[in-house]
C-alpha atoms as a PDB file:
ATOM      1  CA  MET A   1      16.886   2.058 -17.693  1.00  0.00           C
ATOM      2  CA  ASP A   2      15.761  -1.426 -16.730  1.00  0.00           C
ATOM      3  CA  ILE A   3      17.771  -3.878 -14.671  1.00  0.00           C
ATOM      4  CA  VAL A   4      16.535  -7.443 -15.123  1.00  0.00           C
ATOM      5  CA  VAL A   5      17.711 -10.274 -12.897  1.00  0.00           C
ATOM      6  CA  VAL A   6      16.564 -13.870 -13.157  1.00  0.00           C
ATOM      7  CA  ARG A   7      16.802 -16.845 -10.831  1.00  0.00           C
ATOM      8  CA  ARG A   8      18.855 -19.652 -12.347  1.00  0.00           C
ATOM      9  CA  GLU A   9      19.260 -21.835  -9.263  1.00  0.00           C
ATOM     10  CA  PRO A  10      16.097 -23.342  -7.775  1.00  0.00           C
ATOM     11  CA  CYS A  11      17.505 -23.215  -4.234  1.00  0.00           C
ATOM     12  CA  ALA A  12      18.046 -19.422  -4.444  1.00  0.00           C
ATOM     13  CA  PRO A  13      15.524 -17.217  -2.605  1.00  0.00           C
ATOM     14  CA  GLY A  14      12.448 -16.074  -4.510  1.00  0.00           C
ATOM     15  CA  GLY A  15      11.912 -12.718  -6.135  1.00  0.00           C
ATOM     16  CA  GLU A  16      10.331 -11.080  -3.082  1.00  0.00           C
ATOM     17  CA  THR A  17      13.435 -11.666  -0.955  1.00  0.00           C
ATOM     18  CA  THR A  18      15.787 -10.892  -3.811  1.00  0.00           C
ATOM     19  CA  VAL A  19      14.284  -7.488  -4.595  1.00  0.00           C
ATOM     20  CA  VAL A  20      14.822  -6.418  -0.976  1.00  0.00           C
ATOM     21  CA  ARG A  21      18.446  -7.556  -1.146  1.00  0.00           C
ATOM     22  CA  LEU A  22      18.972  -5.926  -4.531  1.00  0.00           C
ATOM     23  CA  LEU A  23      17.545  -2.581  -3.425  1.00  0.00           C
ATOM     24  CA  GLY A  24      19.638  -2.715  -0.252  1.00  0.00           C
ATOM     25  CA  LEU A  25      22.849  -3.215  -2.237  1.00  0.00           C
ATOM     26  CA  LEU A  26      22.246  -0.432  -4.764  1.00  0.00           C
ATOM     27  CA  PRO A  27      23.168   3.188  -4.020  1.00  0.00           C
ATOM     28  CA  PRO A  28      20.533   4.702  -1.705  1.00  0.00           C
ATOM     29  CA  HIS A  29      20.049   7.804  -3.871  1.00  0.00           C
ATOM     30  CA  TRP A  30      18.864   5.799  -6.896  1.00  0.00           C
ATOM     31  CA  SER A  31      15.153   6.033  -7.670  1.00  0.00           C
ATOM     32  CA  CYS A  32      13.808   2.626  -8.699  1.00  0.00           C
ATOM     33  CA  LEU A  33      10.422   1.096  -9.397  1.00  0.00           C
ATOM     34  CA  PRO A  34      10.463  -2.712  -8.934  1.00  0.00           C
ATOM     35  CA  GLU A  35       8.398  -5.385 -10.672  1.00  0.00           C
ATOM     36  CA  VAL A  36       8.680  -8.710  -8.886  1.00  0.00           C
ATOM     37  CA  GLU A  37       7.898 -12.234 -10.041  1.00  0.00           C
ATOM     38  CA  ARG A  38       8.944 -15.501  -8.431  1.00  0.00           C
ATOM     39  CA  ASP A  39      11.926 -16.041 -10.763  1.00  0.00           C
ATOM     40  CA  ARG A  40      12.420 -12.557 -12.221  1.00  0.00           C
ATOM     41  CA  VAL A  41      12.919  -9.024 -10.909  1.00  0.00           C
ATOM     42  CA  VAL A  42      12.854  -5.894 -13.045  1.00  0.00           C
ATOM     43  CA  LEU A  43      14.006  -2.588 -11.587  1.00  0.00           C
ATOM     44  CA  HIS A  44      13.123   0.504 -13.568  1.00  0.00           C
ATOM     45  CA  VAL A  45      15.957   2.877 -12.634  1.00  0.00           C
ATOM     46  CA  MET A  46      15.339   6.577 -13.137  1.00  0.00           C
ATOM     47  CA  LEU A  47      18.578   7.713 -14.772  1.00  0.00           C
ATOM     48  CA  GLY A  48      18.299  11.230 -13.354  1.00  0.00           C
ATOM     49  CA  SER A  49      19.177   9.739  -9.964  1.00  0.00           C
ATOM     50  CA  THR A  50      22.337   8.061 -11.347  1.00  0.00           C
ATOM     51  CA  ASP A  51      25.510   8.960 -13.225  1.00  0.00           C
ATOM     52  CA  GLY A  52      24.160   7.409 -16.444  1.00  0.00           C
ATOM     53  CA  CYS A  53      23.800   4.011 -18.101  1.00  0.00           C
ATOM     54  CA  ASP A  54      27.456   3.015 -17.854  1.00  0.00           C
ATOM     55  CA  ALA A  55      27.520   3.777 -14.124  1.00  0.00           C
ATOM     56  CA  VAL A  56      24.347   1.735 -13.634  1.00  0.00           C
ATOM     57  CA  ARG A  57      25.811  -1.249 -15.494  1.00  0.00           C
ATOM     58  CA  THR A  58      29.043  -1.084 -13.477  1.00  0.00           C
ATOM     59  CA  GLU A  59      27.183  -0.866 -10.174  1.00  0.00           C
ATOM     60  CA  VAL A  60      24.890  -3.771 -11.099  1.00  0.00           C
ATOM     61  CA  GLU A  61      27.903  -5.959 -11.961  1.00  0.00           C
ATOM     62  CA  GLU A  62      29.335  -5.263  -8.499  1.00  0.00           C
ATOM     63  CA  VAL A  63      26.006  -5.909  -6.776  1.00  0.00           C
ATOM     64  CA  MET A  64      25.472  -9.202  -8.598  1.00  0.00           C
ATOM     65  CA  ALA A  65      28.878 -10.420  -7.343  1.00  0.00           C
ATOM     66  CA  ASP A  66      27.660 -10.089  -3.732  1.00  0.00           C
ATOM     67  CA  PRO A  67      26.978 -13.464  -2.032  1.00  0.00           C
ATOM     68  CA  ALA A  68      23.441 -12.264  -1.198  1.00  0.00           C
ATOM     69  CA  MET A  69      22.635 -12.467  -4.910  1.00  0.00           C
ATOM     70  CA  ARG A  70      23.863 -16.053  -5.338  1.00  0.00           C
ATOM     71  CA  GLY A  71      21.640 -17.977  -7.742  1.00  0.00           C
ATOM     72  CA  TRP A  72      20.449 -14.827  -9.520  1.00  0.00           C
ATOM     73  CA  PHE A  73      21.958 -13.397 -12.706  1.00  0.00           C
ATOM     74  CA  ALA A  74      21.596 -10.114 -14.552  1.00  0.00           C
ATOM     75  CA  GLU A  75      20.299 -10.361 -18.104  1.00  0.00           C
ATOM     76  CA  THR A  76      22.255  -8.336 -20.614  1.00  0.00           C
END
């Protein structure tokens, strides 16, 4: 499953900083492969390390509400 987040506020940190924050906020047992661009981050989440798609979506919603992710938004 892919998680895609995009920067919508120019003053928000770039993708390199954001991917570190994003990975730090997600459950540590998740296996993810990141792709990082300046204004876009894609995390390929291996579902075998999660409780399924619905659990991933719920967790991502919570993570994106964290102040560390200000200026970035998950694409649906």
